[in-house]
Amino acid sequence: MATSVYGSFGASERPATGPGVKTNTGTQVHIGNHVHHNISTVTRKCAQEVDFETIVALSKQFTEELELKQAEKQALTKIISDAKKAIQRNQAVIVKKKAQLEKSETQKQDYDKKFKELEAGNAKLRHELQGLLRENEKLAVEVETMSEQMRELLAVYGEHREQLEAIQNMSSTYRREIGIEKKHRDEVMASVRTHKTARSIMNDRVADATRRQNLLKSHVADIFVASVVAPGG
């Protein structure tokens, strides 16, 4: 085993590094925090024992430390870049969420306004409904009263209907009797007209007989007068 400034040159004697950072390959990269201590130790040992092998080991040690630092730097750079990208994405998401929140707030205000309008409309409708219910109760009482009156009127109508039917029957009887009487009157009037015609004819005949009688009397008187006057002359 090679001898270094750290004693036996083994992995277990390497100085501890700083806090670990994961690289993109998944390897744990440690940030060294004992570099200054290592340099001081090497300086002291170089003063005592400096040979080519020690210098090679020291160069190799520094090269490994430099590569480790470069890997740590690259890992940290990638982490910072990823963090920036994540921050940008988060900022974009935050902006989008803020816009959605503002939109939601605006919608909430609109909904609150509409809700208040609906509440006012519902209150008005409830007031109107109460008025309609009271009016409906009044109408129900009136309907019940009118129904009672209707039942009474129907009962009276039933009684009057019977009386009306009796009156209608009497009217029918009277109409039949009146028809019979009218027919009898027409017959009497026809008989009267016949008698009047016969009387008129009889009167004409009597008048004609009276006229003839008067003429006859006048003629007889003339003859008598003529017979009386003739012998005296």
Foldseek 3Di string as FASTA:
>chain_A
DDQELQGDPDPVSDDDFADWDAAPVRDTQGHRDCPVVVVVSNVVVCVVDDDPVHVVVVVVVVVVNVVSVVRVVVRVVVVVVVVVVVVVVVVVVVVVVVVVVVVVVVVVVVVVVVVVVVVVVVVVVVVVVVVVVVVVVVVVVVVVVVVVVVVVVVVVVVVVVVVVVVVVVVVVVVVVVVVVVVVVVVVVVVVVVVVVVVVVVVVVVVVVVVVVVVVVVVVVVVVVVVVVVVVVD
